[in-house]
Amino acid sequence: MARRPLRVRDYSVSQKPALRPDDASGEHGAVTLPLEFDRVFRVHAPYVGALVLKLIGRPGYVDDVVQDVFIQAHRGLAKLRDPALIRPWLRRIAVRRARRWLRTRWVTRWFRERDVDAVPDLIDASASPEDRAQVARIYRRLESLPRNERLVWVLRLVEGETLESIAEMLGCSMSTVQRRLRAAQTTMGALR
């Protein structure tokens, strides 16, 4: 049976319409310096929101994590010298902020809090009932994974990141990423 990609709902954080990358760029498609925070936010907030949603799986907390990402980005935006590196830089910040959020989840796990609206908000409305059930099962299983294994699994299998880029984002070695991915796949493999 061939694996179909699961349809997770797109997530837009900003109330303003997102700018398309060609709208955000200067002449000949190049982003110019100095970078304007409002423009960076409008272009990249939907991407950061979607990534955070996939990493933490809790729609009710996405705005808080995205806000933390852009607060940190605002502080460091003037230091960024290559506009082409904005997206990878924001992705690295988002992964680290999601890791911090997942670290604090142990309190709510202790009390077995369940976000009742999490599954409907994660799933694309046009998804089939089978796909909706599969996404719900995946995110229930992800709740049981340790945070670092969860991050590696989502970044590799949902976002399609390379092992090298995951190692860089998480600040660990490639062998650690491979070990975490194998452990996560063992846990997640029971879904099939």
N, C-alpha and C. Protein backbone atom coordinates (compact mmCIF):
# COMPACT_ATOMS: atom_id res chain seq x y z
N MET A 1 0.84 -1.17 0.00
CA MET A 1 0.00 0.00 0.00
C MET A 1 0.88 1.24 0.00
N ALA A 2 0.71 2.11 -0.96
CA ALA A 2 1.51 3.32 -1.07
C ALA A 2 1.06 4.34 -0.03
N ARG A 3 2.04 5.03 0.54
CA ARG A 3 1.72 6.05 1.53
C ARG A 3 1.31 7.33 0.84
N ARG A 4 0.18 7.87 1.26
CA ARG A 4 -0.27 9.16 0.75
C ARG A 4 0.13 10.23 1.76
N PRO A 5 0.52 11.41 1.27
CA PRO A 5 0.80 12.47 2.23
C PRO A 5 -0.48 12.88 2.95
N LEU A 6 -0.37 13.08 4.25
CA LEU A 6 -1.52 13.49 5.02
C LEU A 6 -1.74 14.98 4.85
N ARG A 7 -3.00 15.37 4.83
CA ARG A 7 -3.32 16.77 4.61
C ARG A 7 -3.56 17.44 5.95
N VAL A 8 -2.62 18.28 6.34
CA VAL A 8 -2.75 19.06 7.55
C VAL A 8 -3.15 20.47 7.13
N ARG A 9 -4.07 21.05 7.85
CA ARG A 9 -4.61 22.36 7.52
C ARG A 9 -3.52 23.42 7.48
N ASP A 10 -3.60 24.31 6.50
CA ASP A 10 -2.70 25.46 6.45
C ASP A 10 -3.06 26.38 7.60
N TYR A 11 -2.07 27.06 8.14
CA TYR A 11 -2.29 27.91 9.29
C TYR A 11 -1.75 29.29 9.00
N SER A 12 -2.57 30.29 9.11
CA SER A 12 -2.15 31.67 8.91
C SER A 12 -2.28 32.42 10.22
N VAL A 13 -1.20 32.99 10.69
CA VAL A 13 -1.17 33.66 11.98
C VAL A 13 -1.64 35.09 11.87
N SER A 14 -1.17 35.79 10.87
CA SER A 14 -1.46 37.21 10.74
C SER A 14 -2.87 37.44 10.22
N GLN A 15 -3.50 38.51 10.70
CA GLN A 15 -4.81 38.89 10.18
C GLN A 15 -4.67 39.60 8.85
N LYS A 16 -3.50 40.20 8.60
CA LYS A 16 -3.24 40.83 7.31
C LYS A 16 -2.96 39.73 6.30
N PRO A 17 -3.29 39.96 5.04
CA PRO A 17 -2.98 38.93 4.05
C PRO A 17 -1.48 38.76 3.92
N ALA A 18 -1.06 37.53 3.75
CA ALA A 18 0.36 37.25 3.60
C ALA A 18 0.84 37.81 2.27
N LEU A 19 2.06 38.30 2.28
CA LEU A 19 2.66 38.75 1.03
C LEU A 19 3.24 37.56 0.32
N ARG A 20 3.11 37.54 -0.98
CA ARG A 20 3.78 36.50 -1.76
C ARG A 20 5.25 36.88 -1.80
N PRO A 21 6.16 35.88 -1.89
CA PRO A 21 7.58 36.20 -1.92
C PRO A 21 7.94 37.20 -3.01
N ASP A 22 7.27 37.18 -4.17
CA ASP A 22 7.62 38.14 -5.22
C ASP A 22 7.14 39.55 -4.86
N ASP A 23 6.09 39.67 -4.01
CA ASP A 23 5.65 40.98 -3.53
C ASP A 23 6.64 41.54 -2.52
N ALA A 24 7.29 40.65 -1.77
CA ALA A 24 8.17 41.06 -0.70
C ALA A 24 9.57 41.38 -1.17
N SER A 25 9.86 41.07 -2.39
CA SER A 25 11.22 41.25 -2.85
C SER A 25 11.36 42.57 -3.58
N GLY A 26 12.58 42.98 -3.68
CA GLY A 26 12.87 44.21 -4.38
C GLY A 26 12.99 43.93 -5.87
N GLU A 27 13.78 44.73 -6.52
CA GLU A 27 13.99 44.58 -7.96
C GLU A 27 14.65 43.25 -8.28
N HIS A 28 14.24 42.61 -9.33
CA HIS A 28 14.81 41.34 -9.82
C HIS A 28 14.69 40.21 -8.80
N GLY A 29 13.69 40.27 -7.91
CA GLY A 29 13.44 39.15 -7.00
C GLY A 29 14.37 39.05 -5.82
N ALA A 30 15.19 40.06 -5.55
CA ALA A 30 16.11 39.99 -4.42
C ALA A 30 15.56 40.80 -3.25
N VAL A 31 15.59 40.24 -2.06
CA VAL A 31 15.18 40.96 -0.86
C VAL A 31 16.31 41.92 -0.52
N THR A 32 15.94 43.12 -0.17
CA THR A 32 16.96 44.14 0.06
C THR A 32 17.15 44.42 1.55
N LEU A 33 18.31 44.94 1.86
CA LEU A 33 18.61 45.37 3.22
C LEU A 33 18.34 46.85 3.32
N PRO A 34 18.00 47.42 4.41
CA PRO A 34 17.70 46.76 5.68
C PRO A 34 16.33 46.07 5.63
N LEU A 35 16.22 45.03 6.41
CA LEU A 35 14.99 44.26 6.43
C LEU A 35 13.95 44.96 7.31
N GLU A 36 12.73 45.03 6.84
CA GLU A 36 11.63 45.62 7.59
C GLU A 36 10.91 44.50 8.33
N PHE A 37 10.79 44.65 9.64
CA PHE A 37 10.19 43.60 10.44
C PHE A 37 8.76 43.29 10.01
N ASP A 38 7.95 44.32 9.76
CA ASP A 38 6.56 44.10 9.36
C ASP A 38 6.47 43.27 8.09
N ARG A 39 7.33 43.57 7.15
CA ARG A 39 7.33 42.83 5.89
C ARG A 39 7.80 41.38 6.10
N VAL A 40 8.84 41.20 6.91
CA VAL A 40 9.32 39.84 7.21
C VAL A 40 8.20 39.05 7.89
N PHE A 41 7.50 39.68 8.82
CA PHE A 41 6.41 38.99 9.51
C PHE A 41 5.30 38.62 8.53
N ARG A 42 4.87 39.54 7.71
CA ARG A 42 3.76 39.27 6.79
C ARG A 42 4.11 38.18 5.78
N VAL A 43 5.35 38.12 5.36
CA VAL A 43 5.76 37.10 4.39
C VAL A 43 5.90 35.73 5.04
N HIS A 44 6.51 35.69 6.23
CA HIS A 44 6.92 34.41 6.80
C HIS A 44 6.03 33.88 7.93
N ALA A 45 5.11 34.68 8.47
CA ALA A 45 4.26 34.20 9.57
C ALA A 45 3.42 32.98 9.20
N PRO A 46 2.83 32.91 8.00
CA PRO A 46 2.06 31.70 7.67
C PRO A 46 2.93 30.44 7.67
N TYR A 47 4.15 30.55 7.13
CA TYR A 47 5.06 29.40 7.11
C TYR A 47 5.45 29.01 8.54
N VAL A 48 5.84 29.98 9.35
CA VAL A 48 6.24 29.70 10.73
C VAL A 48 5.06 29.11 11.49
N GLY A 49 3.86 29.65 11.31
CA GLY A 49 2.68 29.11 11.98
C GLY A 49 2.40 27.67 11.60
N ALA A 50 2.51 27.36 10.31
CA ALA A 50 2.28 25.99 9.85
C ALA A 50 3.33 25.04 10.42
N LEU A 51 4.58 25.47 10.45
CA LEU A 51 5.65 24.63 11.00
C LEU A 51 5.43 24.39 12.49
N VAL A 52 5.12 25.44 13.23
CA VAL A 52 4.89 25.30 14.67
C VAL A 52 3.69 24.39 14.93
N LEU A 53 2.63 24.53 14.16
CA LEU A 53 1.47 23.67 14.33
C LEU A 53 1.84 22.20 14.14
N LYS A 54 2.64 21.92 13.13
CA LYS A 54 3.05 20.53 12.89
C LYS A 54 3.95 20.03 14.01
N LEU A 55 4.78 20.89 14.56
CA LEU A 55 5.71 20.47 15.61
C LEU A 55 5.02 20.24 16.95
N ILE A 56 4.13 21.16 17.34
CA ILE A 56 3.52 21.02 18.66
C ILE A 56 2.15 20.37 18.63
N GLY A 57 1.46 20.45 17.50
CA GLY A 57 0.18 19.77 17.36
C GLY A 57 -0.94 20.33 18.21
N ARG A 58 -0.82 21.54 18.67
CA ARG A 58 -1.82 22.17 19.53
C ARG A 58 -2.19 23.54 18.97
N PRO A 59 -3.25 23.63 18.17
CA PRO A 59 -3.62 24.90 17.55
C PRO A 59 -3.82 26.04 18.53
N GLY A 60 -4.30 25.74 19.72
CA GLY A 60 -4.56 26.78 20.70
C GLY A 60 -3.31 27.48 21.20
N TYR A 61 -2.14 26.89 20.97
CA TYR A 61 -0.89 27.47 21.47
C TYR A 61 0.02 27.99 20.36
N VAL A 62 -0.39 27.81 19.12
CA VAL A 62 0.46 28.20 17.99
C VAL A 62 0.76 29.69 18.00
N ASP A 63 -0.26 30.51 18.23
CA ASP A 63 -0.04 31.96 18.22
C ASP A 63 1.01 32.38 19.26
N ASP A 64 0.97 31.76 20.43
CA ASP A 64 1.94 32.10 21.47
C ASP A 64 3.36 31.76 21.05
N VAL A 65 3.53 30.58 20.47
CA VAL A 65 4.87 30.17 20.05
C VAL A 65 5.35 31.03 18.89
N VAL A 66 4.46 31.31 17.94
CA VAL A 66 4.83 32.16 16.80
C VAL A 66 5.20 33.56 17.29
N GLN A 67 4.47 34.06 18.25
CA GLN A 67 4.82 35.36 18.81
C GLN A 67 6.22 35.33 19.43
N ASP A 68 6.53 34.28 20.17
CA ASP A 68 7.88 34.14 20.72
C ASP A 68 8.94 34.10 19.62
N VAL A 69 8.64 33.40 18.53
CA VAL A 69 9.58 33.31 17.41
C VAL A 69 9.86 34.70 16.85
N PHE A 70 8.81 35.47 16.62
CA PHE A 70 9.01 36.77 16.01
C PHE A 70 9.54 37.82 16.99
N ILE A 71 9.32 37.63 18.28
CA ILE A 71 9.97 38.51 19.25
C ILE A 71 11.47 38.30 19.19
N GLN A 72 11.89 37.03 19.18
CA GLN A 72 13.32 36.74 19.07
C GLN A 72 13.86 37.21 17.73
N ALA A 73 13.10 37.03 16.67
CA ALA A 73 13.53 37.47 15.34
C ALA A 73 13.68 38.98 15.29
N HIS A 74 12.77 39.69 15.91
CA HIS A 74 12.84 41.16 15.94
C HIS A 74 14.14 41.62 16.58
N ARG A 75 14.52 40.95 17.65
CA ARG A 75 15.76 41.32 18.35
C ARG A 75 16.99 41.08 17.48
N GLY A 76 16.97 40.07 16.65
CA GLY A 76 18.16 39.71 15.88
C GLY A 76 18.12 40.08 14.41
N LEU A 77 17.04 40.71 13.96
CA LEU A 77 16.88 40.98 12.54
C LEU A 77 17.97 41.90 11.99
N ALA A 78 18.40 42.87 12.77
CA ALA A 78 19.43 43.81 12.31
C ALA A 78 20.78 43.11 12.12
N LYS A 79 20.99 42.01 12.80
CA LYS A 79 22.26 41.28 12.69
C LYS A 79 22.32 40.39 11.46
N LEU A 80 21.16 40.10 10.87
CA LEU A 80 21.11 39.22 9.71
C LEU A 80 21.66 39.96 8.50
N ARG A 81 22.70 39.42 7.90
CA ARG A 81 23.40 40.09 6.80
C ARG A 81 23.00 39.59 5.42
N ASP A 82 22.42 38.41 5.35
CA ASP A 82 22.05 37.84 4.06
C ASP A 82 20.53 37.62 4.03
N PRO A 83 19.80 38.43 3.29
CA PRO A 83 18.33 38.29 3.26
C PRO A 83 17.86 36.92 2.77
N ALA A 84 18.68 36.20 2.03
CA ALA A 84 18.29 34.87 1.55
C ALA A 84 18.20 33.86 2.70
N LEU A 85 18.78 34.20 3.83
CA LEU A 85 18.80 33.28 4.97
C LEU A 85 17.67 33.51 5.96
N ILE A 86 16.72 34.39 5.63
CA ILE A 86 15.64 34.70 6.56
C ILE A 86 14.83 33.45 6.90
N ARG A 87 14.39 32.72 5.89
CA ARG A 87 13.52 31.56 6.13
C ARG A 87 14.23 30.47 6.94
N PRO A 88 15.46 30.05 6.59
CA PRO A 88 16.13 29.05 7.42
C PRO A 88 16.39 29.55 8.84
N TRP A 89 16.68 30.84 8.98
CA TRP A 89 16.91 31.43 10.29
C TRP A 89 15.63 31.38 11.12
N LEU A 90 14.50 31.76 10.53
CA LEU A 90 13.22 31.69 11.24
C LEU A 90 12.84 30.25 11.55
N ARG A 91 13.14 29.33 10.64
CA ARG A 91 12.85 27.91 10.88
C ARG A 91 13.63 27.41 12.10
N ARG A 92 14.88 27.79 12.19
CA ARG A 92 15.71 27.37 13.33
C ARG A 92 15.15 27.94 14.64
N ILE A 93 14.76 29.22 14.63
CA ILE A 93 14.16 29.83 15.82
C ILE A 93 12.86 29.11 16.17
N ALA A 94 12.03 28.81 15.18
CA ALA A 94 10.74 28.15 15.42
C ALA A 94 10.93 26.76 16.02
N VAL A 95 11.90 26.02 15.52
CA VAL A 95 12.15 24.68 16.06
C VAL A 95 12.60 24.78 17.52
N ARG A 96 13.46 25.73 17.82
CA ARG A 96 13.96 25.87 19.19
C ARG A 96 12.85 26.34 20.13
N ARG A 97 11.99 27.24 19.66
CA ARG A 97 10.87 27.70 20.49
C ARG A 97 9.85 26.58 20.69
N ALA A 98 9.62 25.78 19.66
CA ALA A 98 8.71 24.64 19.81
C ALA A 98 9.28 23.63 20.79
N ARG A 99 10.58 23.43 20.74
CA ARG A 99 11.23 22.52 21.69
C ARG A 99 11.03 23.03 23.12
N ARG A 100 11.20 24.33 23.31
CA ARG A 100 11.01 24.91 24.65
C ARG A 100 9.55 24.73 25.09
N TRP A 101 8.60 24.94 24.18
CA TRP A 101 7.19 24.77 24.54
C TRP A 101 6.91 23.31 24.90
N LEU A 102 7.44 22.38 24.12
CA LEU A 102 7.23 20.96 24.40
C LEU A 102 7.85 20.57 25.74
N ARG A 103 8.95 21.19 26.10
CA ARG A 103 9.61 20.92 27.37
C ARG A 103 8.68 21.29 28.53
N THR A 104 7.94 22.39 28.38
CA THR A 104 7.04 22.81 29.46
C THR A 104 5.74 22.01 29.49
N ARG A 105 5.49 21.21 28.48
CA ARG A 105 4.26 20.42 28.41
C ARG A 105 4.20 19.31 29.46
N TRP A 106 5.29 19.01 30.12
CA TRP A 106 5.26 17.91 31.08
C TRP A 106 4.25 18.16 32.18
N VAL A 107 4.01 19.41 32.54
CA VAL A 107 3.03 19.72 33.57
C VAL A 107 1.63 19.33 33.10
N THR A 108 1.29 19.72 31.89
CA THR A 108 -0.04 19.39 31.39
C THR A 108 -0.18 17.90 31.11
N ARG A 109 0.92 17.26 30.73
CA ARG A 109 0.88 15.80 30.54
C ARG A 109 0.60 15.12 31.87
N TRP A 110 1.19 15.65 32.93
CA TRP A 110 1.00 15.08 34.25
C TRP A 110 -0.48 15.07 34.61
N PHE A 111 -1.17 16.14 34.25
CA PHE A 111 -2.59 16.24 34.54
C PHE A 111 -3.46 15.69 33.41
N ARG A 112 -2.82 15.16 32.39
CA ARG A 112 -3.50 14.53 31.26
C ARG A 112 -4.47 15.49 30.56
N GLU A 113 -4.05 16.73 30.42
CA GLU A 113 -4.88 17.71 29.72
C GLU A 113 -4.98 17.30 28.26
N ARG A 114 -6.15 17.42 27.72
CA ARG A 114 -6.38 17.13 26.31
C ARG A 114 -6.97 18.37 25.67
N ASP A 115 -6.41 18.76 24.56
CA ASP A 115 -6.91 19.90 23.82
C ASP A 115 -8.02 19.37 22.91
N VAL A 116 -9.28 19.58 23.32
CA VAL A 116 -10.39 18.96 22.63
C VAL A 116 -10.56 19.44 21.20
N ASP A 117 -10.11 20.66 20.90
CA ASP A 117 -10.27 21.15 19.53
C ASP A 117 -9.03 20.95 18.68
N ALA A 118 -8.03 20.27 19.20
CA ALA A 118 -6.77 20.14 18.47
C ALA A 118 -6.93 19.37 17.16
N VAL A 119 -7.56 18.23 17.18
CA VAL A 119 -7.64 17.41 15.98
C VAL A 119 -8.45 18.08 14.87
N PRO A 120 -9.64 18.62 15.13
CA PRO A 120 -10.37 19.27 14.03
C PRO A 120 -9.60 20.44 13.41
N ASP A 121 -8.88 21.19 14.21
CA ASP A 121 -8.13 22.33 13.69
C ASP A 121 -6.89 21.92 12.92
N LEU A 122 -6.39 20.75 13.15
CA LEU A 122 -5.19 20.28 12.46
C LEU A 122 -5.48 19.77 11.06
N ILE A 123 -6.68 19.29 10.85
CA ILE A 123 -6.98 18.54 9.63
C ILE A 123 -7.67 19.45 8.61
N ASP A 124 -7.21 19.35 7.39
CA ASP A 124 -7.81 20.08 6.29
C ASP A 124 -9.27 19.67 6.14
N ALA A 125 -10.15 20.63 5.97
CA ALA A 125 -11.59 20.35 5.88
C ALA A 125 -11.94 19.44 4.70
N SER A 126 -11.13 19.47 3.65
CA SER A 126 -11.43 18.64 2.48
C SER A 126 -10.87 17.22 2.58
N ALA A 127 -10.23 16.90 3.69
CA ALA A 127 -9.65 15.56 3.86
C ALA A 127 -10.75 14.52 4.03
N SER A 128 -10.47 13.32 3.56
CA SER A 128 -11.44 12.23 3.69
C SER A 128 -11.53 11.78 5.15
N PRO A 129 -12.60 11.08 5.52
CA PRO A 129 -12.72 10.59 6.89
C PRO A 129 -11.55 9.69 7.31
N GLU A 130 -11.04 8.90 6.36
CA GLU A 130 -9.90 8.05 6.67
C GLU A 130 -8.66 8.88 6.97
N ASP A 131 -8.44 9.94 6.17
CA ASP A 131 -7.29 10.82 6.41
C ASP A 131 -7.44 11.55 7.74
N ARG A 132 -8.65 11.98 8.06
CA ARG A 132 -8.90 12.68 9.32
C ARG A 132 -8.58 11.75 10.50
N ALA A 133 -9.02 10.51 10.40
CA ALA A 133 -8.75 9.54 11.47
C ALA A 133 -7.26 9.26 11.59
N GLN A 134 -6.58 9.16 10.45
CA GLN A 134 -5.13 8.90 10.45
C GLN A 134 -4.37 10.05 11.11
N VAL A 135 -4.70 11.29 10.77
CA VAL A 135 -4.04 12.45 11.38
C VAL A 135 -4.29 12.46 12.89
N ALA A 136 -5.51 12.16 13.30
CA ALA A 136 -5.83 12.12 14.73
C ALA A 136 -4.99 11.06 15.45
N ARG A 137 -4.85 9.88 14.83
CA ARG A 137 -4.04 8.81 15.42
C ARG A 137 -2.57 9.24 15.52
N ILE A 138 -2.07 9.88 14.47
CA ILE A 138 -0.67 10.30 14.46
C ILE A 138 -0.40 11.30 15.58
N TYR A 139 -1.25 12.28 15.71
CA TYR A 139 -1.01 13.29 16.74
C TYR A 139 -1.22 12.76 18.15
N ARG A 140 -2.11 11.78 18.32
CA ARG A 140 -2.21 11.13 19.64
C ARG A 140 -0.93 10.37 19.95
N ARG A 141 -0.37 9.70 18.95
CA ARG A 141 0.87 8.97 19.14
C ARG A 141 2.05 9.92 19.38
N LEU A 142 2.06 11.04 18.65
CA LEU A 142 3.13 12.03 18.84
C LEU A 142 3.15 12.56 20.27
N GLU A 143 1.99 12.63 20.92
CA GLU A 143 1.93 13.09 22.30
C GLU A 143 2.76 12.21 23.23
N SER A 144 2.92 10.93 22.87
CA SER A 144 3.65 10.02 23.74
C SER A 144 5.16 10.04 23.51
N LEU A 145 5.60 10.68 22.43
CA LEU A 145 7.03 10.72 22.13
C LEU A 145 7.75 11.76 22.98
N PRO A 146 8.99 11.48 23.36
CA PRO A 146 9.81 12.53 23.97
C PRO A 146 9.98 13.68 22.97
N ARG A 147 10.15 14.89 23.48
CA ARG A 147 10.12 16.08 22.61
C ARG A 147 11.16 16.04 21.50
N ASN A 148 12.38 15.58 21.77
CA ASN A 148 13.40 15.58 20.73
C ASN A 148 13.11 14.56 19.64
N GLU A 149 12.57 13.41 20.01
CA GLU A 149 12.17 12.42 19.01
C GLU A 149 11.01 12.95 18.18
N ARG A 150 10.09 13.61 18.82
CA ARG A 150 8.94 14.19 18.11
C ARG A 150 9.40 15.23 17.10
N LEU A 151 10.30 16.12 17.52
CA LEU A 151 10.80 17.15 16.62
C LEU A 151 11.50 16.54 15.41
N VAL A 152 12.35 15.56 15.64
CA VAL A 152 13.06 14.92 14.54
C VAL A 152 12.08 14.23 13.59
N TRP A 153 11.11 13.51 14.13
CA TRP A 153 10.15 12.79 13.30
C TRP A 153 9.34 13.76 12.43
N VAL A 154 8.84 14.83 13.03
CA VAL A 154 8.03 15.79 12.28
C VAL A 154 8.88 16.52 11.24
N LEU A 155 10.07 16.95 11.63
CA LEU A 155 10.92 17.66 10.67
C LEU A 155 11.32 16.77 9.49
N ARG A 156 11.58 15.51 9.75
CA ARG A 156 12.02 14.61 8.68
C ARG A 156 10.85 14.13 7.82
N LEU A 157 9.81 13.61 8.46
CA LEU A 157 8.76 12.93 7.71
C LEU A 157 7.59 13.83 7.32
N VAL A 158 7.37 14.90 8.03
CA VAL A 158 6.28 15.81 7.66
C VAL A 158 6.82 16.98 6.85
N GLU A 159 7.91 17.58 7.32
CA GLU A 159 8.49 18.74 6.64
C GLU A 159 9.48 18.37 5.55
N GLY A 160 10.00 17.13 5.56
CA GLY A 160 10.92 16.69 4.52
C GLY A 160 12.33 17.25 4.64
N GLU A 161 12.72 17.65 5.84
CA GLU A 161 14.06 18.20 6.06
C GLU A 161 15.11 17.10 5.94
N THR A 162 16.30 17.50 5.57
CA THR A 162 17.41 16.54 5.52
C THR A 162 17.93 16.29 6.94
N LEU A 163 18.60 15.17 7.12
CA LEU A 163 19.18 14.87 8.43
C LEU A 163 20.19 15.93 8.84
N GLU A 164 20.95 16.43 7.87
CA GLU A 164 21.96 17.46 8.16
C GLU A 164 21.30 18.74 8.68
N SER A 165 20.22 19.16 8.02
CA SER A 165 19.57 20.41 8.46
C SER A 165 18.89 20.22 9.82
N ILE A 166 18.37 19.04 10.08
CA ILE A 166 17.76 18.78 11.39
C ILE A 166 18.83 18.84 12.47
N ALA A 167 19.97 18.24 12.21
CA ALA A 167 21.07 18.28 13.18
C ALA A 167 21.48 19.72 13.47
N GLU A 168 21.54 20.53 12.43
CA GLU A 168 21.90 21.93 12.62
C GLU A 168 20.85 22.68 13.43
N MET A 169 19.56 22.47 13.10
CA MET A 169 18.48 23.16 13.80
C MET A 169 18.42 22.78 15.28
N LEU A 170 18.65 21.50 15.57
CA LEU A 170 18.55 21.03 16.94
C LEU A 170 19.86 21.11 17.70
N GLY A 171 20.93 21.44 16.99
CA GLY A 171 22.23 21.58 17.66
C GLY A 171 22.78 20.26 18.18
N CYS A 172 22.66 19.22 17.38
CA CYS A 172 23.17 17.91 17.78
C CYS A 172 23.85 17.25 16.58
N SER A 173 24.44 16.09 16.81
CA SER A 173 25.15 15.41 15.73
C SER A 173 24.16 14.65 14.83
N MET A 174 24.65 14.30 13.64
CA MET A 174 23.82 13.51 12.71
C MET A 174 23.47 12.15 13.30
N SER A 175 24.41 11.53 14.00
CA SER A 175 24.12 10.22 14.58
C SER A 175 23.04 10.31 15.65
N THR A 176 23.01 11.43 16.39
CA THR A 176 21.95 11.64 17.37
C THR A 176 20.60 11.79 16.68
N VAL A 177 20.58 12.53 15.58
CA VAL A 177 19.34 12.68 14.80
C VAL A 177 18.88 11.32 14.29
N GLN A 178 19.79 10.53 13.76
CA GLN A 178 19.43 9.20 13.24
C GLN A 178 18.90 8.31 14.36
N ARG A 179 19.54 8.36 15.52
CA ARG A 179 19.08 7.55 16.65
C ARG A 179 17.68 7.97 17.10
N ARG A 180 17.45 9.28 17.19
CA ARG A 180 16.13 9.78 17.59
C ARG A 180 15.07 9.43 16.55
N LEU A 181 15.43 9.50 15.29
CA LEU A 181 14.49 9.16 14.22
C LEU A 181 14.12 7.68 14.28
N ARG A 182 15.11 6.81 14.49
CA ARG A 182 14.81 5.37 14.61
C ARG A 182 13.90 5.09 15.79
N ALA A 183 14.17 5.74 16.93
CA ALA A 183 13.34 5.53 18.12
C ALA A 183 11.91 6.01 17.86
N ALA A 184 11.79 7.17 17.22
CA ALA A 184 10.46 7.70 16.91
C ALA A 184 9.72 6.81 15.92
N GLN A 185 10.44 6.31 14.91
CA GLN A 185 9.81 5.44 13.93
C GLN A 185 9.35 4.14 14.55
N THR A 186 10.08 3.65 15.54
CA THR A 186 9.67 2.44 16.25
C THR A 186 8.34 2.68 16.94
N THR A 187 8.22 3.80 17.62
CA THR A 187 6.97 4.14 18.31
C THR A 187 5.86 4.42 17.31
N MET A 188 6.16 5.21 16.30
CA MET A 188 5.15 5.60 15.33
C MET A 188 4.79 4.46 14.38
N GLY A 189 5.71 3.51 14.21
CA GLY A 189 5.50 2.39 13.29
C GLY A 189 4.33 1.52 13.65
N ALA A 190 3.95 1.51 14.91
CA ALA A 190 2.81 0.71 15.34
C ALA A 190 1.49 1.22 14.77
N LEU A 191 1.53 2.41 14.16
CA LEU A 191 0.31 2.97 13.56
C LEU A 191 -0.10 2.25 12.29
N ARG A 192 0.84 1.69 11.61
CA ARG A 192 0.54 1.12 10.28
C ARG A 192 -0.25 -0.13 10.36
